[in-house]
């Protein structure tokens, strides 16, 4: 969990999506988070975490559905939702935490 703590402890907002490669929505998740990364660029960090390869973290964060999206800002969880999200919703959720 210390590596995870290092990842989320930044002044940039961090969008993390928990997914599974076998899940039918994986391509849609990949497309939407790539669009977020392309749109917001260096202002945010976008990270994908495979639940099958990170079972302990998945359990600790109580990931019950996939995809699960989380936004961390300065190490704190500020937003979380389950189910596929459109790109615009993700961008709008991130914007309040982007420093100008």
N, C-alpha and C. Protein backbone atom coordinates (compact mmCIF):
# COMPACT_ATOMS: atom_id res chain seq x y z
N UNK A 1 0.83 -1.20 0.00
CA UNK A 1 0.00 0.00 0.00
C UNK A 1 0.87 1.26 0.00
N UNK A 2 2.15 1.14 0.39
CA UNK A 2 3.01 2.32 0.41
C UNK A 2 3.25 2.86 -0.99
N UNK A 3 3.36 1.98 -1.98
CA UNK A 3 3.50 2.44 -3.36
C UNK A 3 2.25 3.20 -3.78
N UNK A 4 1.10 2.69 -3.41
CA UNK A 4 -0.15 3.36 -3.72
C UNK A 4 -0.17 4.73 -3.06
N UNK A 5 0.28 4.82 -1.82
CA UNK A 5 0.34 6.11 -1.13
C UNK A 5 1.22 7.10 -1.86
N UNK A 6 2.32 6.63 -2.40
CA UNK A 6 3.21 7.50 -3.18
C UNK A 6 2.52 8.00 -4.45
N UNK A 7 1.73 7.13 -5.07
CA UNK A 7 1.04 7.48 -6.31
C UNK A 7 0.01 8.59 -6.09
N UNK A 8 -0.73 8.49 -4.99
CA UNK A 8 -1.83 9.44 -4.77
C UNK A 8 -1.40 10.71 -4.03
N UNK A 9 -0.20 10.72 -3.49
CA UNK A 9 0.27 11.89 -2.72
C UNK A 9 0.97 12.87 -3.65
N UNK A 10 0.21 13.57 -4.40
CA UNK A 10 0.72 14.55 -5.35
C UNK A 10 -0.23 15.73 -5.37
N UNK A 11 0.27 16.87 -5.80
CA UNK A 11 -0.61 18.04 -5.88
C UNK A 11 -1.56 17.96 -7.08
N UNK A 12 -1.21 17.12 -8.06
CA UNK A 12 -2.12 16.92 -9.19
C UNK A 12 -3.22 15.96 -8.79
N UNK A 13 -4.43 16.16 -9.29
CA UNK A 13 -5.45 15.14 -9.05
C UNK A 13 -5.08 13.85 -9.77
N UNK A 14 -5.41 12.74 -9.13
CA UNK A 14 -5.10 11.42 -9.68
C UNK A 14 -6.41 10.68 -9.91
N UNK A 15 -6.66 10.35 -11.18
CA UNK A 15 -7.82 9.53 -11.53
C UNK A 15 -7.35 8.09 -11.63
N UNK A 16 -7.95 7.23 -10.83
CA UNK A 16 -7.62 5.81 -10.86
C UNK A 16 -8.86 5.06 -11.26
N UNK A 17 -8.69 4.14 -12.19
CA UNK A 17 -9.79 3.27 -12.57
C UNK A 17 -9.37 1.83 -12.28
N UNK A 18 -10.22 1.14 -11.55
CA UNK A 18 -10.04 -0.28 -11.29
C UNK A 18 -10.85 -1.03 -12.34
N UNK A 19 -10.19 -1.96 -13.01
CA UNK A 19 -10.81 -2.66 -14.13
C UNK A 19 -10.34 -4.11 -14.13
N UNK A 20 -10.89 -4.89 -15.04
CA UNK A 20 -10.43 -6.26 -15.29
C UNK A 20 -10.36 -6.44 -16.80
N UNK A 21 -9.26 -6.99 -17.26
CA UNK A 21 -9.05 -7.16 -18.69
C UNK A 21 -10.10 -8.02 -19.37
N UNK A 22 -10.72 -8.91 -18.62
CA UNK A 22 -11.72 -9.82 -19.19
C UNK A 22 -13.12 -9.19 -19.22
N UNK A 23 -13.30 -8.06 -18.58
CA UNK A 23 -14.63 -7.46 -18.46
C UNK A 23 -15.09 -6.86 -19.79
N UNK A 24 -16.35 -6.99 -20.09
CA UNK A 24 -16.88 -6.53 -21.38
C UNK A 24 -16.78 -5.03 -21.59
N UNK A 25 -16.60 -4.24 -20.54
CA UNK A 25 -16.50 -2.78 -20.70
C UNK A 25 -15.06 -2.28 -20.79
N UNK A 26 -14.09 -3.17 -20.78
CA UNK A 26 -12.68 -2.76 -20.75
C UNK A 26 -12.32 -1.82 -21.90
N UNK A 27 -12.76 -2.10 -23.10
CA UNK A 27 -12.43 -1.22 -24.24
C UNK A 27 -13.04 0.17 -24.06
N UNK A 28 -14.26 0.22 -23.55
CA UNK A 28 -14.91 1.51 -23.31
C UNK A 28 -14.18 2.29 -22.21
N UNK A 29 -13.76 1.60 -21.16
CA UNK A 29 -13.00 2.24 -20.08
C UNK A 29 -11.70 2.81 -20.63
N UNK A 30 -10.99 1.99 -21.39
CA UNK A 30 -9.72 2.44 -21.97
C UNK A 30 -9.90 3.68 -22.83
N UNK A 31 -10.94 3.69 -23.64
CA UNK A 31 -11.20 4.83 -24.51
C UNK A 31 -11.48 6.09 -23.71
N UNK A 32 -12.34 5.99 -22.70
CA UNK A 32 -12.72 7.18 -21.95
C UNK A 32 -11.55 7.73 -21.14
N UNK A 33 -10.76 6.87 -20.51
CA UNK A 33 -9.65 7.43 -19.72
C UNK A 33 -8.53 7.96 -20.61
N UNK A 34 -8.38 7.39 -21.80
CA UNK A 34 -7.39 7.95 -22.73
C UNK A 34 -7.83 9.34 -23.18
N UNK A 35 -9.12 9.50 -23.40
CA UNK A 35 -9.64 10.82 -23.78
C UNK A 35 -9.46 11.83 -22.64
N UNK A 36 -9.63 11.39 -21.40
CA UNK A 36 -9.39 12.26 -20.26
C UNK A 36 -7.93 12.69 -20.24
N UNK A 37 -7.04 11.72 -20.38
CA UNK A 37 -5.60 12.02 -20.37
C UNK A 37 -5.22 12.95 -21.52
N UNK A 38 -5.78 12.72 -22.69
CA UNK A 38 -5.48 13.57 -23.85
C UNK A 38 -6.01 14.99 -23.65
N UNK A 39 -7.18 15.11 -23.05
CA UNK A 39 -7.81 16.42 -22.86
C UNK A 39 -7.12 17.23 -21.76
N UNK A 40 -6.82 16.59 -20.64
CA UNK A 40 -6.29 17.32 -19.48
C UNK A 40 -4.76 17.29 -19.39
N UNK A 41 -4.15 16.42 -20.15
CA UNK A 41 -2.69 16.39 -20.24
C UNK A 41 -1.98 16.27 -18.91
N UNK A 42 -0.96 17.11 -18.73
CA UNK A 42 -0.09 17.05 -17.56
C UNK A 42 -0.77 17.55 -16.28
N UNK A 43 -1.97 18.07 -16.38
CA UNK A 43 -2.67 18.59 -15.20
C UNK A 43 -3.15 17.49 -14.27
N UNK A 44 -3.25 16.26 -14.78
CA UNK A 44 -3.74 15.14 -13.99
C UNK A 44 -2.86 13.91 -14.22
N UNK A 45 -2.98 12.96 -13.31
CA UNK A 45 -2.41 11.63 -13.51
C UNK A 45 -3.58 10.68 -13.71
N UNK A 46 -3.47 9.81 -14.69
CA UNK A 46 -4.50 8.81 -14.96
C UNK A 46 -3.85 7.44 -14.85
N UNK A 47 -4.42 6.61 -14.00
CA UNK A 47 -3.82 5.30 -13.71
C UNK A 47 -4.90 4.23 -13.79
N UNK A 48 -4.55 3.12 -14.44
CA UNK A 48 -5.42 1.95 -14.49
C UNK A 48 -4.84 0.89 -13.56
N UNK A 49 -5.70 0.25 -12.78
CA UNK A 49 -5.27 -0.83 -11.90
C UNK A 49 -6.12 -2.05 -12.17
N UNK A 50 -5.47 -3.13 -12.56
CA UNK A 50 -6.12 -4.40 -12.85
C UNK A 50 -6.43 -5.09 -11.52
N UNK A 51 -7.71 -5.35 -11.26
CA UNK A 51 -8.10 -5.95 -9.99
C UNK A 51 -7.54 -7.35 -9.82
N UNK A 52 -7.33 -8.07 -10.91
CA UNK A 52 -6.82 -9.43 -10.81
C UNK A 52 -5.34 -9.46 -10.44
N UNK A 53 -4.62 -8.39 -10.74
CA UNK A 53 -3.19 -8.32 -10.43
C UNK A 53 -2.92 -7.56 -9.13
N UNK A 54 -3.96 -6.99 -8.54
CA UNK A 54 -3.82 -6.18 -7.33
C UNK A 54 -4.92 -6.51 -6.33
N UNK A 55 -5.01 -7.78 -5.98
CA UNK A 55 -6.12 -8.25 -5.15
C UNK A 55 -6.11 -7.65 -3.74
N UNK A 56 -4.93 -7.49 -3.15
CA UNK A 56 -4.87 -6.94 -1.80
C UNK A 56 -5.35 -5.49 -1.79
N UNK A 57 -4.86 -4.69 -2.72
CA UNK A 57 -5.29 -3.29 -2.80
C UNK A 57 -6.78 -3.20 -3.08
N UNK A 58 -7.26 -4.04 -3.98
CA UNK A 58 -8.68 -4.07 -4.32
C UNK A 58 -9.53 -4.36 -3.09
N UNK A 59 -9.06 -5.29 -2.28
CA UNK A 59 -9.79 -5.63 -1.05
C UNK A 59 -9.74 -4.48 -0.06
N UNK A 60 -8.56 -3.88 0.13
CA UNK A 60 -8.42 -2.79 1.10
C UNK A 60 -9.28 -1.59 0.73
N UNK A 61 -9.42 -1.33 -0.55
CA UNK A 61 -10.22 -0.18 -1.00
C UNK A 61 -11.68 -0.53 -1.25
N UNK A 62 -12.04 -1.76 -0.93
CA UNK A 62 -13.41 -2.24 -1.04
C UNK A 62 -13.99 -2.02 -2.44
N UNK A 63 -13.24 -2.48 -3.43
CA UNK A 63 -13.70 -2.41 -4.81
C UNK A 63 -14.66 -3.58 -5.03
N UNK A 64 -15.92 -3.26 -5.23
CA UNK A 64 -16.94 -4.30 -5.37
C UNK A 64 -17.48 -4.41 -6.79
N UNK A 65 -17.32 -3.37 -7.58
CA UNK A 65 -17.83 -3.39 -8.95
C UNK A 65 -16.78 -2.83 -9.88
N UNK A 66 -16.84 -3.27 -11.11
CA UNK A 66 -15.91 -2.73 -12.10
C UNK A 66 -16.69 -2.23 -13.30
N UNK A 67 -16.24 -1.13 -13.84
CA UNK A 67 -15.12 -0.32 -13.36
C UNK A 67 -15.50 0.50 -12.13
N UNK A 68 -14.50 0.77 -11.30
CA UNK A 68 -14.63 1.72 -10.20
C UNK A 68 -13.64 2.84 -10.45
N UNK A 69 -14.11 4.06 -10.38
CA UNK A 69 -13.27 5.23 -10.58
C UNK A 69 -13.09 5.94 -9.24
N UNK A 70 -11.87 6.41 -9.00
CA UNK A 70 -11.57 7.19 -7.81
C UNK A 70 -10.73 8.38 -8.22
N UNK A 71 -10.99 9.50 -7.56
CA UNK A 71 -10.13 10.67 -7.73
C UNK A 71 -9.54 10.98 -6.37
N UNK A 72 -8.21 11.06 -6.35
CA UNK A 72 -7.48 11.46 -5.15
C UNK A 72 -6.85 12.82 -5.41
N UNK A 73 -6.86 13.65 -4.38
CA UNK A 73 -6.20 14.95 -4.48
C UNK A 73 -5.42 15.16 -3.19
N UNK A 74 -4.12 15.35 -3.34
CA UNK A 74 -3.23 15.54 -2.18
C UNK A 74 -3.36 14.38 -1.19
N UNK A 75 -3.49 13.17 -1.73
CA UNK A 75 -3.54 11.97 -0.91
C UNK A 75 -4.89 11.60 -0.35
N UNK A 76 -5.90 12.44 -0.59
CA UNK A 76 -7.24 12.19 -0.04
C UNK A 76 -8.21 11.78 -1.14
N UNK A 77 -9.05 10.81 -0.84
CA UNK A 77 -10.11 10.42 -1.75
C UNK A 77 -11.15 11.53 -1.78
N UNK A 78 -11.42 12.09 -2.97
CA UNK A 78 -12.38 13.19 -3.08
C UNK A 78 -13.59 12.84 -3.95
N UNK A 79 -13.51 11.71 -4.64
CA UNK A 79 -14.62 11.33 -5.53
C UNK A 79 -14.49 9.85 -5.84
N UNK A 80 -15.61 9.16 -5.88
CA UNK A 80 -15.61 7.73 -6.19
C UNK A 80 -16.95 7.35 -6.80
N UNK A 81 -16.91 6.49 -7.80
CA UNK A 81 -18.14 5.98 -8.38
C UNK A 81 -17.86 4.64 -9.05
N UNK A 82 -18.89 3.84 -9.14
CA UNK A 82 -18.82 2.58 -9.86
C UNK A 82 -19.68 2.69 -11.11
N UNK A 83 -19.34 1.92 -12.10
CA UNK A 83 -20.05 1.86 -13.39
C UNK A 83 -19.34 2.77 -14.39
N UNK A 84 -19.48 2.42 -15.63
CA UNK A 84 -18.84 3.16 -16.72
C UNK A 84 -19.27 4.61 -16.71
N UNK A 85 -18.30 5.51 -16.83
CA UNK A 85 -18.57 6.95 -16.83
C UNK A 85 -18.18 7.55 -18.17
N UNK A 86 -18.98 8.46 -18.69
CA UNK A 86 -18.59 9.14 -19.93
C UNK A 86 -17.40 10.06 -19.66
N UNK A 87 -16.64 10.30 -20.69
CA UNK A 87 -15.45 11.14 -20.59
C UNK A 87 -15.77 12.49 -19.97
N UNK A 88 -16.84 13.13 -20.41
CA UNK A 88 -17.20 14.46 -19.89
C UNK A 88 -17.43 14.44 -18.39
N UNK A 89 -18.05 13.39 -17.88
CA UNK A 89 -18.29 13.29 -16.44
C UNK A 89 -16.99 13.19 -15.67
N UNK A 90 -16.05 12.42 -16.20
CA UNK A 90 -14.75 12.28 -15.54
C UNK A 90 -13.99 13.61 -15.55
N UNK A 91 -14.01 14.27 -16.68
CA UNK A 91 -13.33 15.57 -16.78
C UNK A 91 -13.95 16.58 -15.82
N UNK A 92 -15.27 16.63 -15.77
CA UNK A 92 -15.95 17.56 -14.86
C UNK A 92 -15.67 17.24 -13.40
N UNK A 93 -15.51 15.96 -13.07
CA UNK A 93 -15.19 15.59 -11.70
C UNK A 93 -13.77 15.99 -11.32
N UNK A 94 -12.87 15.99 -12.29
CA UNK A 94 -11.47 16.36 -12.06
C UNK A 94 -11.22 17.86 -12.00
N UNK A 95 -11.96 18.62 -12.76
CA UNK A 95 -11.69 20.06 -12.92
C UNK A 95 -11.58 20.84 -11.62
N UNK A 96 -12.41 20.61 -10.62
CA UNK A 96 -12.29 21.41 -9.39
C UNK A 96 -10.95 21.22 -8.67
N UNK A 97 -10.22 20.16 -8.98
CA UNK A 97 -8.99 19.85 -8.27
C UNK A 97 -7.74 20.21 -9.08
N UNK A 98 -7.94 20.72 -10.29
CA UNK A 98 -6.80 21.12 -11.11
C UNK A 98 -6.40 22.53 -10.73
N UNK A 99 -5.13 22.67 -10.38
CA UNK A 99 -4.63 23.99 -9.98
C UNK A 99 -4.28 24.79 -11.23
N UNK A 100 -4.67 26.05 -11.20
CA UNK A 100 -4.41 26.90 -12.37
C UNK A 100 -3.14 27.69 -12.20
